Amino acid sequence: MRQLPETDRDAIRLAQDPHFPRWLEQITATGGCAHPIHLSGSTTTLDGETGEILHHYDTRTEPGERLLVRCRNRRATVCPACSRLHAGDTYHLVRAGLLGGKNVPATVRQRLRFFITLTAPSFGPVHRAGDRCRPRRDGGQCEHGRPLGCGTVHTPDDPAVGQPLCADCYDYPGHVLWHAHASKLWDRFVIDVRRRLASSAGLVQSRFAAHARLSFARVAEYQKRAAVHVHAVVRLDGPNGPDDDPPPWGSLDRLIDAVHASARRVVVHTPHSPAAGELALCWGVQIESRPLRADGDGSDDDAVAAYVAKYVSKGASETGAGTDQRITTWDDIGAAPVSGHVRTLMRACWRLGGLPEYEPPNLRTWAHTLGYRGHILTKSRAYSTTYAALRAERAHHVGHTDIPDTVTERNWRYVGSGHTPGAALIAAGIAEDLAESLRLGVEAKQEGEWGR
């Protein structure tokens, strides 16, 4: 008789366990999380005046004497269930800054708002999809004897897209060092935009905060060439943020002019190194800005929020620009499931990370993301709500709220993570069912709105 696979045997074992119904409740409560955190401990809620025990929970009554909670990993390749939840939170976070809601006034929709894209500079010619790829009529060659042109019509999924025409000509140190300083470059860009706006309005630069506030939410996206681009929603408010109207001198043209001028001007200099010299890092020449309309039906704002949410759940591995697993040794780079171009970028991180002048960026720690060490999504404080507030609102919705005038004693410890093979199979099925239910619910809501 043929033996069942290990996954099926384990799933049957779990289903026959007397504690299976409660275990299934826990898995469902995590949304089918692929790598749940296992906790052991207790929570006791006491009356603040009398000390009477109002509620007590202890994992000793749970299957395996442990409680499963979400891993909260944003990457879809690591945990699809938590990634969907994170993307949904991001959508509402960005949308609230565009349309209001979540304690943000609806008047923000009438503010100056636009969507910008800042790109990385060129580190060398790479293959491109679409029309003929870099046609060269002279048939010349680079100093390494490789053709300067391609001429092939690449499809978007062609593995050659994003790969250098000549790896020896490509500036790999410049690429990873640009990644390592991209967050600093963004910070200087925002500061410079504020200064330019103040100067154009005839204000002392240091007094800008007394007249206006620049609010933003930005997301980093890896391109095919394994370089990060930055997409951002930018909004001009009054000095107190979303509750204040912007000053009369604030105009869309003035704001966009300041953005383009600052993107072309700001520079971050790296320390001098015998390996790479002293680099002047800046944004690429491709800068896009698109005003967001306030007089339509809101679809444009929703589309921007959905666009940002889509990319915030992607890891570097999904675009082929790195891996979601940290690199801890030189040999890990050779075993990583990446292209030769990305592997060379990882090795550049490892080599430069061993030099004392490049110790602060921790390039070896961030070799798996090709030197980029910023958050995928960041926002200014006054742009909109926070992830913590959204999680608290969700907890309140399901009844997990603190009782007034009580004292809560918590005693928890980490005891493990992940699933057995059979548990992983069941959790994946639950996650798919919940995702399908959510999709059907959204479609039903849209049909109801269209039918009005």
Protein backbone atom coordinates (compact mmCIF):
# COMPACT_ATOMS: atom_id res chain seq x y z
CA MET A 1 0.00 0.00 0.00
CA ARG A 2 1.41 3.41 -1.02
CA GLN A 3 2.29 5.60 1.94
CA LEU A 4 0.84 9.11 2.10
CA PRO A 5 3.22 12.06 1.80
CA GLU A 6 4.49 13.51 5.08
CA THR A 7 2.39 16.68 4.68
CA ASP A 8 -0.84 14.69 4.33
CA ARG A 9 0.03 12.41 7.25
CA ASP A 10 0.73 15.41 9.45
CA ALA A 11 -2.52 17.13 8.42
CA ILE A 12 -4.49 13.98 9.28
CA ARG A 13 -2.71 13.76 12.64
CA LEU A 14 -3.73 17.33 13.46
CA ALA A 15 -7.34 16.78 12.35
CA GLN A 16 -7.64 13.75 14.65
CA ASP A 17 -6.28 15.63 17.67
CA PRO A 18 -9.01 16.41 20.28
CA HIS A 19 -7.72 20.02 20.43
CA PHE A 20 -8.01 20.50 16.67
CA PRO A 21 -11.12 22.80 16.80
CA ARG A 22 -9.37 25.27 19.12
CA TRP A 23 -6.14 25.05 17.12
CA LEU A 24 -8.15 25.80 13.97
CA GLU A 25 -9.65 28.85 15.71
CA GLN A 26 -6.16 30.13 16.45
CA ILE A 27 -5.00 29.63 12.85
CA THR A 28 -8.11 31.40 11.57
CA ALA A 29 -7.54 34.28 14.01
CA THR A 30 -4.07 34.78 12.50
CA GLY A 31 -5.61 34.92 9.02
CA GLY A 32 -3.75 31.79 8.00
CA CYS A 33 -0.34 33.33 8.78
CA ALA A 34 2.43 31.27 7.17
CA HIS A 35 4.96 31.77 9.98
CA PRO A 36 3.05 32.49 13.21
CA ILE A 37 4.86 33.44 16.40
CA HIS A 38 4.32 31.00 19.30
CA LEU A 39 3.89 32.62 22.71
CA SER A 40 3.50 31.17 26.17
CA GLY A 41 2.20 33.07 29.17
CA SER A 42 -0.81 34.79 30.67
CA THR A 43 -2.76 38.04 30.92
CA THR A 44 -4.69 39.10 34.01
CA THR A 45 -7.02 42.11 34.16
CA LEU A 46 -7.66 43.51 37.65
CA ASP A 47 -10.06 46.13 38.97
CA GLY A 48 -7.96 49.24 39.56
CA GLU A 49 -9.53 49.95 42.95
CA THR A 50 -10.42 46.61 44.51
CA GLY A 51 -7.83 44.37 42.89
CA GLU A 52 -10.56 41.92 41.91
CA ILE A 53 -9.66 39.66 38.99
CA LEU A 54 -11.94 40.62 36.11
CA HIS A 55 -10.42 38.42 33.45
CA HIS A 56 -7.63 35.86 33.26
CA TYR A 57 -6.19 34.13 30.22
CA ASP A 58 -3.48 31.48 30.33
CA THR A 59 -1.98 29.46 27.49
CA ARG A 60 -1.89 26.34 29.65
CA THR A 61 -5.41 25.65 28.42
CA GLU A 62 -4.40 26.01 24.76
CA PRO A 63 -3.23 23.28 22.33
CA GLY A 64 0.45 22.78 22.98
CA GLU A 65 0.19 25.36 25.80
CA ARG A 66 0.88 28.18 23.38
CA LEU A 67 -0.87 31.02 21.57
CA LEU A 68 -0.25 31.72 17.88
CA VAL A 69 -0.03 35.35 16.70
CA ARG A 70 0.68 36.89 13.29
CA CYS A 71 4.26 37.25 12.08
CA ARG A 72 3.30 40.62 10.47
CA ASN A 73 5.84 40.19 7.68
CA ARG A 74 5.02 42.59 4.83
CA ARG A 75 6.61 40.43 2.09
CA ALA A 76 4.21 38.35 0.03
CA THR A 77 6.96 35.78 -0.62
CA VAL A 78 7.32 35.18 3.12
CA CYS A 79 3.72 35.35 4.33
CA PRO A 80 0.91 36.05 1.86
CA ALA A 81 -1.69 36.45 4.63
CA CYS A 82 0.19 39.09 6.64
CA SER A 83 1.34 40.75 3.42
CA ARG A 84 -2.28 41.26 2.33
CA LEU A 85 -3.11 42.76 5.72
CA HIS A 86 -0.09 45.08 5.55
CA ALA A 87 -0.98 46.15 2.01
CA GLY A 88 -4.52 46.90 3.14
CA ASP A 89 -3.25 49.03 6.02
CA THR A 90 -0.93 50.86 3.64
CA TYR A 91 -3.81 51.55 1.27
CA HIS A 92 -5.87 53.13 4.05
CA LEU A 93 -2.85 55.03 5.40
CA VAL A 94 -2.08 56.59 2.00
CA ARG A 95 -5.73 57.12 1.08
CA ALA A 96 -6.44 58.95 4.35
CA GLY A 97 -3.74 61.46 3.45
CA LEU A 98 -5.40 62.03 0.07
CA LEU A 99 -9.13 61.98 0.87
CA GLY A 100 -9.33 62.28 4.65
CA GLY A 101 -10.61 59.82 7.21
CA LYS A 102 -8.84 58.05 10.07
CA ASN A 103 -8.81 61.35 12.02
CA VAL A 104 -7.62 63.27 8.95
CA PRO A 105 -10.07 66.02 7.80
CA ALA A 106 -11.72 65.59 4.40
CA THR A 107 -10.47 69.07 3.46
CA VAL A 108 -7.06 67.58 2.58
CA ARG A 109 -8.58 66.59 -0.75
CA GLN A 110 -8.69 70.28 -1.70
CA ARG A 111 -5.00 70.81 -0.90
CA LEU A 112 -2.10 70.95 -3.32
CA ARG A 113 -1.24 67.29 -3.86
CA PHE A 114 0.78 65.49 -6.45
CA PHE A 115 2.49 62.18 -7.11
CA ILE A 116 6.22 62.22 -7.88
CA THR A 117 8.74 59.62 -9.01
CA LEU A 118 12.46 60.06 -8.39
CA THR A 119 14.79 57.62 -10.08
CA ALA A 120 18.28 56.32 -9.50
CA PRO A 121 21.00 57.62 -11.83
CA SER A 122 22.55 55.47 -14.54
CA PHE A 123 25.36 53.18 -13.45
CA GLY A 124 25.85 51.83 -16.96
CA PRO A 125 23.72 50.84 -19.98
CA VAL A 126 21.35 47.91 -19.44
CA HIS A 127 19.01 45.95 -21.69
CA ARG A 128 15.51 47.43 -21.98
CA ALA A 129 12.13 46.02 -22.95
CA GLY A 130 9.84 47.49 -25.60
CA ASP A 131 11.29 48.88 -28.81
CA ARG A 132 14.66 47.82 -30.18
CA CYS A 133 17.07 47.71 -27.24
CA ARG A 134 19.77 50.36 -27.57
CA PRO A 135 20.33 50.17 -31.35
CA ARG A 136 23.81 51.26 -32.47
CA ARG A 137 24.49 51.74 -36.16
CA ASP A 138 28.24 52.10 -35.82
CA GLY A 139 28.58 48.58 -34.37
CA GLY A 140 31.14 49.87 -31.85
CA GLN A 141 32.52 48.04 -28.87
CA CYS A 142 33.36 49.08 -25.33
CA GLU A 143 36.90 48.92 -23.98
CA HIS A 144 36.25 45.32 -22.92
CA GLY A 145 35.41 44.24 -26.46
CA ARG A 146 31.65 43.96 -25.97
CA PRO A 147 29.06 45.56 -28.31
CA LEU A 148 27.84 49.01 -27.35
CA GLY A 149 24.39 48.24 -28.73
CA CYS A 150 21.88 45.42 -28.65
CA GLY A 151 19.09 45.93 -31.19
CA THR A 152 16.97 43.06 -29.87
CA VAL A 153 13.28 43.62 -29.11
CA HIS A 154 13.01 42.25 -25.54
CA THR A 155 9.71 41.22 -23.99
CA PRO A 156 9.10 42.51 -20.43
CA ASP A 157 9.74 39.05 -18.97
CA ASP A 158 12.99 38.52 -20.89
CA PRO A 159 15.74 37.63 -18.34
CA ALA A 160 18.10 39.98 -20.18
CA VAL A 161 16.03 43.06 -19.29
CA GLY A 162 17.84 45.10 -16.64
CA GLN A 163 21.13 43.27 -17.13
CA PRO A 164 24.20 45.38 -18.11
CA LEU A 165 25.41 45.35 -21.70
CA CYS A 166 28.89 45.02 -20.21
CA ALA A 167 29.29 43.98 -16.58
CA ASP A 168 32.90 45.22 -16.54
CA CYS A 169 31.79 48.73 -17.51
CA TYR A 170 28.98 48.81 -14.96
CA ASP A 171 29.56 50.92 -11.82
CA TYR A 172 28.73 48.34 -9.16
CA PRO A 173 30.35 50.26 -6.25
CA GLY A 174 28.41 53.39 -7.24
CA HIS A 175 25.15 51.40 -7.42
CA VAL A 176 25.36 49.91 -3.92
CA LEU A 177 26.70 53.12 -2.36
CA TRP A 178 23.80 55.05 -3.93
CA HIS A 179 21.43 52.55 -2.34
CA ALA A 180 23.17 52.93 1.02
CA HIS A 181 22.68 56.73 0.91
CA ALA A 182 19.27 56.88 -0.80
CA SER A 183 17.42 57.67 2.45
CA LYS A 184 19.82 60.50 3.23
CA LEU A 185 19.39 61.78 -0.31
CA TRP A 186 15.61 61.83 0.20
CA ASP A 187 15.97 63.70 3.51
CA ARG A 188 18.11 66.37 1.87
CA PHE A 189 15.67 66.58 -1.01
CA VAL A 190 12.74 67.31 1.34
CA ILE A 191 14.76 69.92 3.23
CA ASP A 192 15.77 71.61 -0.01
CA VAL A 193 12.16 71.68 -1.28
CA ARG A 194 11.12 73.49 1.90
CA ARG A 195 13.94 75.99 1.49
CA ARG A 196 13.09 76.67 -2.13
CA LEU A 197 9.43 77.17 -1.34
CA ALA A 198 10.33 79.64 1.39
CA SER A 199 12.71 81.56 -0.87
CA SER A 200 10.20 81.72 -3.74
CA ALA A 201 7.59 83.13 -1.33
CA GLY A 202 10.00 85.76 0.03
CA LEU A 203 10.31 84.07 3.42
CA VAL A 204 13.34 83.45 5.57
CA GLN A 205 14.09 79.75 5.07
CA SER A 206 14.14 79.05 8.81
CA ARG A 207 10.57 80.45 9.09
CA PHE A 208 8.99 78.03 6.61
CA ALA A 209 7.50 75.86 9.39
CA ALA A 210 5.62 78.88 10.75
CA HIS A 211 3.77 79.28 7.44
CA ALA A 212 3.40 75.83 5.88
CA ARG A 213 4.10 72.12 6.27
CA LEU A 214 5.18 69.67 3.59
CA SER A 215 3.59 66.26 4.19
CA PHE A 216 4.43 63.10 2.27
CA ALA A 217 4.24 59.33 2.06
CA ARG A 218 6.87 57.58 -0.04
CA VAL A 219 7.50 54.03 -1.17
CA ALA A 220 10.68 52.47 -2.57
CA GLU A 221 10.39 50.15 -5.57
CA TYR A 222 13.08 47.96 -7.13
CA GLN A 223 13.35 48.23 -10.90
CA LYS A 224 14.49 45.54 -13.33
CA ARG A 225 18.03 46.89 -13.21
CA ALA A 226 17.95 46.28 -9.43
CA ALA A 227 17.99 49.99 -8.62
CA VAL A 228 15.50 51.59 -6.25
CA HIS A 229 13.08 54.25 -7.48
CA VAL A 230 11.07 56.42 -5.07
CA HIS A 231 7.37 57.16 -5.53
CA ALA A 232 5.79 59.71 -3.21
CA VAL A 233 2.51 61.49 -2.52
CA VAL A 234 3.29 65.09 -1.52
CA ARG A 235 0.80 67.52 0.04
CA LEU A 236 1.14 71.16 1.14
CA ASP A 237 -0.62 72.03 4.41
CA GLY A 238 -0.74 74.96 6.78
CA PRO A 239 1.70 75.13 9.72
CA ASN A 240 -0.42 72.83 11.92
CA GLY A 241 -0.70 70.08 9.32
CA PRO A 242 -3.89 68.67 7.80
CA ASP A 243 -6.16 70.85 9.97
CA ASP A 244 -4.69 74.03 8.45
CA ASP A 245 -5.17 75.48 4.99
CA PRO A 246 -1.91 76.17 3.10
CA PRO A 247 -0.73 79.79 2.76
CA PRO A 248 -2.04 81.92 -0.15
CA TRP A 249 1.34 81.87 -1.87
CA GLY A 250 1.20 78.08 -2.18
CA SER A 251 0.57 77.13 -5.79
CA LEU A 252 0.95 73.90 -7.71
CA ASP A 253 3.41 75.41 -10.17
CA ARG A 254 5.57 76.78 -7.36
CA LEU A 255 5.56 73.44 -5.59
CA ILE A 256 6.40 71.42 -8.68
CA ASP A 257 9.16 73.86 -9.68
CA ALA A 258 10.69 73.48 -6.21
CA VAL A 259 10.50 69.68 -6.44
CA HIS A 260 12.19 69.51 -9.83
CA ALA A 261 14.87 72.04 -8.89
CA SER A 262 15.68 70.24 -5.63
CA ALA A 263 15.77 66.83 -7.32
CA ARG A 264 18.39 68.17 -9.75
CA ARG A 265 20.40 69.96 -7.08
CA VAL A 266 20.78 67.83 -3.94
CA VAL A 267 23.94 65.76 -3.59
CA VAL A 268 25.30 63.39 -0.96
CA HIS A 269 29.09 62.87 -0.88
CA THR A 270 30.56 59.56 0.24
CA PRO A 271 33.79 59.28 2.25
CA HIS A 272 36.89 59.00 0.11
CA SER A 273 37.99 55.42 -0.42
CA PRO A 274 40.84 53.88 -2.44
CA ALA A 275 38.26 51.36 -3.70
CA ALA A 276 35.67 53.82 -5.07
CA GLY A 277 37.06 57.31 -4.60
CA GLU A 278 34.73 60.06 -3.36
CA LEU A 279 31.33 59.83 -5.03
CA ALA A 280 28.78 62.62 -5.48
CA LEU A 281 25.46 60.80 -5.31
CA CYS A 282 22.34 62.39 -6.81
CA TRP A 283 18.95 61.53 -8.31
CA GLY A 284 18.59 60.35 -11.88
CA VAL A 285 17.60 62.66 -14.72
CA GLN A 286 14.13 61.08 -15.03
CA ILE A 287 11.80 62.97 -12.71
CA GLU A 288 8.04 62.66 -13.00
CA SER A 289 5.36 64.71 -11.26
CA ARG A 290 1.62 64.36 -11.69
CA PRO A 291 -0.95 66.59 -9.95
CA LEU A 292 -3.75 64.72 -8.20
CA ARG A 293 -7.17 66.09 -9.08
CA ALA A 294 -9.67 67.13 -6.44
CA ASP A 295 -12.72 67.62 -8.66
CA GLY A 296 -13.29 64.04 -9.88
CA ASP A 297 -14.95 61.05 -8.30
CA GLY A 298 -11.85 60.06 -6.33
CA SER A 299 -10.75 57.16 -8.51
CA ASP A 300 -7.43 58.85 -9.18
CA ASP A 301 -6.69 59.08 -5.46
CA ASP A 302 -7.77 55.50 -4.89
CA ALA A 303 -5.54 54.36 -7.75
CA VAL A 304 -2.52 56.07 -6.20
CA ALA A 305 -3.22 54.51 -2.81
CA ALA A 306 -3.61 51.07 -4.41
CA TYR A 307 -0.39 51.56 -6.38
CA VAL A 308 1.61 52.36 -3.25
CA ALA A 309 0.02 49.47 -1.33
CA LYS A 310 0.91 47.08 -4.15
CA TYR A 311 4.61 47.82 -3.98
CA VAL A 312 4.91 48.00 -0.21
CA SER A 313 4.20 44.26 0.03
CA LYS A 314 6.88 43.31 -2.48
CA GLY A 315 10.28 42.12 -1.39
CA ALA A 316 13.47 42.46 -3.36
CA SER A 317 13.20 38.83 -4.46
CA GLU A 318 9.92 39.42 -6.33
CA THR A 319 11.59 41.75 -8.81
CA GLY A 320 14.75 39.68 -8.96
CA ALA A 321 16.62 42.49 -7.18
CA GLY A 322 17.97 40.58 -4.22
CA THR A 323 16.58 38.11 -1.74
CA ASP A 324 14.41 38.25 1.36
CA GLN A 325 16.96 36.22 3.33
CA ARG A 326 19.92 37.98 4.95
CA ILE A 327 23.41 37.23 3.68
CA THR A 328 25.70 36.14 6.52
CA THR A 329 28.73 34.75 4.66
CA TRP A 330 30.46 35.20 1.32
CA ASP A 331 29.34 31.68 0.34
CA ASP A 332 25.68 32.69 0.86
CA ILE A 333 26.00 35.05 -2.10
CA GLY A 334 27.03 32.25 -4.44
CA ALA A 335 24.05 30.15 -3.33
CA ALA A 336 21.46 32.95 -3.62
CA PRO A 337 18.80 32.34 -6.34
CA VAL A 338 19.54 35.59 -8.20
CA SER A 339 20.93 36.75 -11.53
CA GLY A 340 24.63 37.29 -12.14
CA HIS A 341 24.04 41.05 -12.10
CA VAL A 342 22.41 40.97 -8.66
CA ARG A 343 25.02 38.54 -7.35
CA THR A 344 27.76 40.98 -8.38
CA LEU A 345 25.93 43.78 -6.54
CA MET A 346 25.80 41.60 -3.42
CA ARG A 347 29.51 40.91 -3.69
CA ALA A 348 30.19 44.64 -4.09
CA CYS A 349 28.27 45.19 -0.84
CA TRP A 350 30.32 42.53 0.90
CA ARG A 351 33.68 43.87 -0.34
CA LEU A 352 32.94 47.52 0.40
CA GLY A 353 31.35 46.62 3.72
CA GLY A 354 34.68 45.26 4.90
CA LEU A 355 36.38 48.66 4.48
CA PRO A 356 36.55 50.94 7.55
CA GLU A 357 35.38 54.01 5.60
CA TYR A 358 32.14 52.23 4.71
CA GLU A 359 31.43 50.78 8.14
CA PRO A 360 28.48 53.14 9.01
CA PRO A 361 26.16 52.00 6.16
CA ASN A 362 26.47 48.33 7.30
CA LEU A 363 26.71 47.18 3.70
CA ARG A 364 27.26 43.55 4.62
CA THR A 365 24.15 43.53 6.79
CA TRP A 366 22.13 44.87 3.85
CA ALA A 367 23.78 42.86 1.10
CA HIS A 368 20.52 40.93 0.52
CA THR A 369 18.82 44.24 -0.42
CA LEU A 370 21.84 45.43 -2.43
CA GLY A 371 22.81 48.05 0.14
CA TYR A 372 19.40 49.70 0.46
CA ARG A 373 18.67 50.01 4.17
CA GLY A 374 15.67 52.34 4.27
CA HIS A 375 12.10 51.36 5.00
CA ILE A 376 10.00 50.41 2.00
CA LEU A 377 7.37 52.95 3.10
CA THR A 378 7.98 56.10 5.14
CA LYS A 379 5.82 59.12 5.79
CA SER A 380 6.00 62.46 7.49
CA ARG A 381 4.35 62.65 10.90
CA ALA A 382 1.42 64.85 9.85
CA TYR A 383 0.62 63.09 6.56
CA SER A 384 -2.05 60.75 7.95
CA THR A 385 -2.64 57.99 10.47
CA THR A 386 -0.10 55.33 11.53
CA TYR A 387 0.14 51.56 11.25
CA ALA A 388 -0.16 51.35 15.05
CA ALA A 389 -3.42 53.33 15.00
CA LEU A 390 -4.83 51.11 12.24
CA ARG A 391 -3.94 47.96 14.22
CA ALA A 392 -5.56 49.44 17.34
CA GLU A 393 -8.71 50.27 15.35
CA ARG A 394 -8.84 46.72 14.02
CA ALA A 395 -8.41 45.30 17.54
CA HIS A 396 -11.24 47.51 18.78
CA HIS A 397 -13.43 46.31 15.91
CA VAL A 398 -13.06 42.68 16.99
CA GLY A 399 -13.60 43.51 20.66
CA HIS A 400 -10.00 43.60 21.92
CA THR A 401 -10.15 46.83 23.92
CA ASP A 402 -8.76 47.94 27.25
CA ILE A 403 -11.31 48.31 30.04
CA PRO A 404 -11.21 51.72 31.83
CA ASP A 405 -10.02 51.87 35.48
CA THR A 406 -8.31 48.50 35.30
CA VAL A 407 -4.78 47.18 35.64
CA THR A 408 -3.49 44.55 33.21
CA GLU A 409 -0.62 42.25 34.14
CA ARG A 410 1.07 40.51 31.21
CA ASN A 411 3.64 37.74 31.34
CA TRP A 412 4.66 36.41 27.93
CA ARG A 413 7.65 34.69 26.39
CA TYR A 414 8.61 33.53 22.90
CA VAL A 415 8.65 29.75 22.50
CA GLY A 416 8.90 29.23 18.75
CA SER A 417 7.54 30.05 15.31
CA GLY A 418 6.30 28.49 12.09
CA HIS A 419 4.21 25.43 11.23
CA THR A 420 4.62 21.71 10.85
CA PRO A 421 4.12 20.54 7.20
CA GLY A 422 0.49 19.61 7.76
CA ALA A 423 -0.26 22.79 9.68
CA ALA A 424 1.29 24.86 6.88
CA LEU A 425 -1.03 23.17 4.37
CA ILE A 426 -4.13 23.89 6.48
CA ALA A 427 -3.05 27.49 7.17
CA ALA A 428 -2.50 28.13 3.46
CA GLY A 429 -6.02 26.88 2.72
CA ILE A 430 -7.49 29.17 5.38
CA ALA A 431 -5.52 32.13 4.02
CA GLU A 432 -6.79 31.46 0.49
CA ASP A 433 -10.40 31.15 1.71
CA LEU A 434 -10.18 34.44 3.63
CA ALA A 435 -8.60 36.19 0.64
CA GLU A 436 -11.36 34.94 -1.64
CA SER A 437 -14.03 36.05 0.83
CA LEU A 438 -12.44 39.49 0.95
CA ARG A 439 -12.34 39.70 -2.84
CA LEU A 440 -15.98 38.72 -3.14
CA GLY A 441 -16.91 41.24 -0.47
CA VAL A 442 -15.13 44.04 -2.33
CA GLU A 443 -16.82 43.08 -5.59
CA ALA A 444 -20.24 43.00 -3.92
CA LYS A 445 -19.63 46.44 -2.41
CA GLN A 446 -18.58 47.86 -5.78
CA GLU A 447 -21.61 46.36 -7.52
CA GLY A 448 -23.84 47.89 -4.87
CA GLU A 449 -22.27 51.32 -5.39
CA TRP A 450 -22.56 51.07 -9.18
CA GLY A 451 -26.21 50.02 -8.92
CA ARG A 452 -27.23 53.13 -7.02
